[in-house]
């Protein structure tokens, strides 16, 4: 898979979320949600679900877990997804122009 495949899949998943998100819960989840509703002084469980998704996403990014799964499935990282280019494309890959002089002082900046 590739960066384009990942972008297509993210757009498809986002489109599928257009309706209301209905999540079934077990007893433990309901207890934890009730505790959070009480402690955070809110009556909106949907808001806590949104916060939970944000926290899970942030944790996955910070620990490298998201990059691991993206690399495994799509052979890209989250940074590559955000930039729209792979690191190889950013650095010019193997397609860097070479000078015919072979001068070791002739260095090119690569990002």
Protein backbone atom coordinates (compact mmCIF):
# COMPACT_ATOMS: atom_id res chain seq x y z
CA UNK A 1 0.00 0.00 0.00
CA UNK A 2 1.07 3.59 -0.36
CA UNK A 3 0.49 7.17 0.73
CA UNK A 4 -2.29 7.52 -1.85
CA UNK A 5 -3.98 4.38 -0.50
CA UNK A 6 -3.83 5.80 3.03
CA UNK A 7 -5.30 9.13 1.93
CA UNK A 8 -8.14 7.33 0.11
CA UNK A 9 -8.86 5.13 3.13
CA UNK A 10 -8.90 8.08 5.56
CA UNK A 11 -11.29 10.00 3.31
CA UNK A 12 -13.53 6.94 3.00
CA UNK A 13 -13.59 6.34 6.74
CA UNK A 14 -14.34 10.02 7.37
CA UNK A 15 -17.28 9.89 4.94
CA UNK A 16 -18.64 6.80 6.70
CA UNK A 17 -18.79 8.77 9.97
CA UNK A 18 -21.29 11.30 8.59
CA UNK A 19 -24.20 9.88 10.58
CA UNK A 20 -24.33 9.69 14.33
CA UNK A 21 -21.76 7.41 15.80
CA UNK A 22 -23.51 4.73 17.81
CA UNK A 23 -21.24 2.79 20.11
CA UNK A 24 -22.39 -0.08 22.25
CA UNK A 25 -20.94 -0.17 25.74
CA UNK A 26 -20.38 -2.85 28.31
CA UNK A 27 -20.84 -2.46 32.07
CA UNK A 28 -17.22 -1.42 32.70
CA UNK A 29 -17.33 1.23 29.98
CA UNK A 30 -20.61 2.63 31.32
CA UNK A 31 -19.15 2.80 34.84
CA UNK A 32 -16.03 4.60 33.61
CA UNK A 33 -18.10 6.96 31.47
CA UNK A 34 -20.39 7.72 34.40
CA UNK A 35 -17.37 8.47 36.61
CA UNK A 36 -15.92 10.82 33.99
CA UNK A 37 -19.27 12.56 33.49
CA UNK A 38 -19.53 13.20 37.20
CA UNK A 39 -15.90 14.18 37.72
CA UNK A 40 -15.68 16.46 34.69
CA UNK A 41 -19.05 18.07 35.42
CA UNK A 42 -20.64 17.50 32.05
CA UNK A 43 -23.92 15.95 30.96
CA UNK A 44 -22.74 15.20 27.41
CA UNK A 45 -21.33 11.68 26.98
CA UNK A 46 -20.67 12.41 23.29
CA UNK A 47 -18.23 15.14 24.34
CA UNK A 48 -16.31 12.64 26.46
CA UNK A 49 -16.17 10.20 23.55
CA UNK A 50 -14.73 12.99 21.37
CA UNK A 51 -12.15 13.80 24.06
CA UNK A 52 -11.31 10.10 24.37
CA UNK A 53 -10.66 9.79 20.65
CA UNK A 54 -8.42 12.87 20.75
CA UNK A 55 -6.45 11.46 23.69
CA UNK A 56 -6.06 8.04 22.06
CA UNK A 57 -4.92 9.65 18.80
CA UNK A 58 -2.43 11.93 20.58
CA UNK A 59 -1.06 9.02 22.58
CA UNK A 60 -0.67 6.88 19.44
CA UNK A 61 1.21 9.69 17.68
CA UNK A 62 3.48 10.49 20.65
CA UNK A 63 4.43 6.87 21.34
CA UNK A 64 5.08 6.03 17.68
CA UNK A 65 2.30 3.46 17.71
CA UNK A 66 0.47 5.23 14.85
CA UNK A 67 3.63 5.35 12.73
CA UNK A 68 4.25 1.65 13.41
CA UNK A 69 0.81 0.69 12.16
CA UNK A 70 0.92 3.09 9.21
CA UNK A 71 4.36 1.80 8.19
CA UNK A 72 3.14 -1.79 8.48
CA UNK A 73 -0.05 -1.26 6.49
CA UNK A 74 0.80 1.59 4.08
CA UNK A 75 4.61 1.91 4.20
CA UNK A 76 4.34 5.59 5.23
CA UNK A 77 4.48 7.59 8.47
CA UNK A 78 2.07 10.17 9.84
CA UNK A 79 4.50 12.98 8.94
CA UNK A 80 4.59 11.69 5.36
CA UNK A 81 0.79 11.62 5.31
CA UNK A 82 0.61 15.22 6.56
CA UNK A 83 3.11 16.46 3.99
CA UNK A 84 1.64 14.44 1.13
CA UNK A 85 5.11 13.12 0.24
CA UNK A 86 7.27 10.26 1.39
CA UNK A 87 10.64 11.01 2.99
CA UNK A 88 12.32 9.59 -0.10
CA UNK A 89 10.39 12.02 -2.30
CA UNK A 90 11.30 14.92 0.03
CA UNK A 91 14.99 14.02 -0.15
CA UNK A 92 14.95 13.55 -3.89
CA UNK A 93 15.48 9.81 -3.59
CA UNK A 94 17.77 8.14 -6.09
CA UNK A 95 16.82 10.68 -8.73
CA UNK A 96 19.18 13.38 -7.45
CA UNK A 97 21.09 15.08 -10.25
CA UNK A 98 24.77 14.20 -10.19
CA UNK A 99 27.58 16.38 -11.46
CA UNK A 100 30.09 14.85 -13.82
CA UNK A 101 33.07 16.35 -11.98
CA UNK A 102 33.00 14.02 -8.99
CA UNK A 103 34.20 16.91 -6.83
CA UNK A 104 33.80 15.88 -3.14
CA UNK A 105 33.27 19.54 -2.21
CA UNK A 106 30.20 19.76 -4.43
CA UNK A 107 27.49 18.99 -1.89
CA UNK A 108 23.79 19.42 -2.31
CA UNK A 109 21.35 20.26 0.46
CA UNK A 110 18.86 17.48 1.06
CA UNK A 111 15.79 17.70 3.22
